[in-house]
Amino acid sequence: MERGMISVDRWSEGSQVYFLTHLHADHTVGLSPRWNKGPLFCSRISARLFHHKFPGFDTSLIRSLEIGQWHSLSLLSLSTNSQTTVQVMAIEANHCPGAVMFLFRGAFGVTLYTGDFRWEVTSEIAQMGKTMLLNALKNDKIDTLYIDNTYCNPSYSFPSREVAAQQVVNIIDSYPEHDIIIGIDTLGKEDLLLYISKMLKVKVIYHQLVFL
């Protein structure tokens, strides 16, 4: 894909349109309430969460994409100085609320940006994402793959989310007389908190700490 057309999770480059895979801090470096470089495409959930992350952001720049549907964009090819059509589909990434991959199709071929994703064999959401991607590709192949490979090394072996969540519940249950404080990021641990509340039949109270 030629430069100057599309940027994914990169906010300092001069592009015609910008795409956000999810709202974790390492993917929003360069974004701020004053950012105004162009249209910003993301999932509907990310669009709804945007004002919490960036209060005062110009929401007229945000374009929400329905997951699993093709969307067409008319962009200017700088190499030919003519209009070209790019199709894009947001695909479930099973990472945090609103996280998606982006599948692009155009004169440049087929390109997939994974962002951060988690495809466990036993996860129904991950299976949905895989099916969505395969159905979108049909008989096409991916020409260019931009993949997050942070934990692709075989030395990393993580338990499933279900196993990890149960381990947390077991630890909490081992200390019935204690108040439990769980440090979390601003996005991504919601399922764990709901699981703890359901399994232990307790209320989970959220407190935001402000460090001056």
Foldseek 3Di string as FASTA:
>chain_A
DDPQDEEELDQPGRHAEYEYQADDPSSNVPDELPRDRAAYEFAPQRLVCVCVVHPNRPSVSYDHAYALDKDKDWTADPVVRDTWIKIKHWFDQCFWVRGTKIWIATPVGIEIENDHHDQDPPDPSNVRRVVSVCVVQPPGDHPYYHYDCPPVPPVDDDDDPVVVLVVVLVVCVVCVPDDDDDDDDPIGCVVSQVVNCVVVVDDDDDDDDDDD
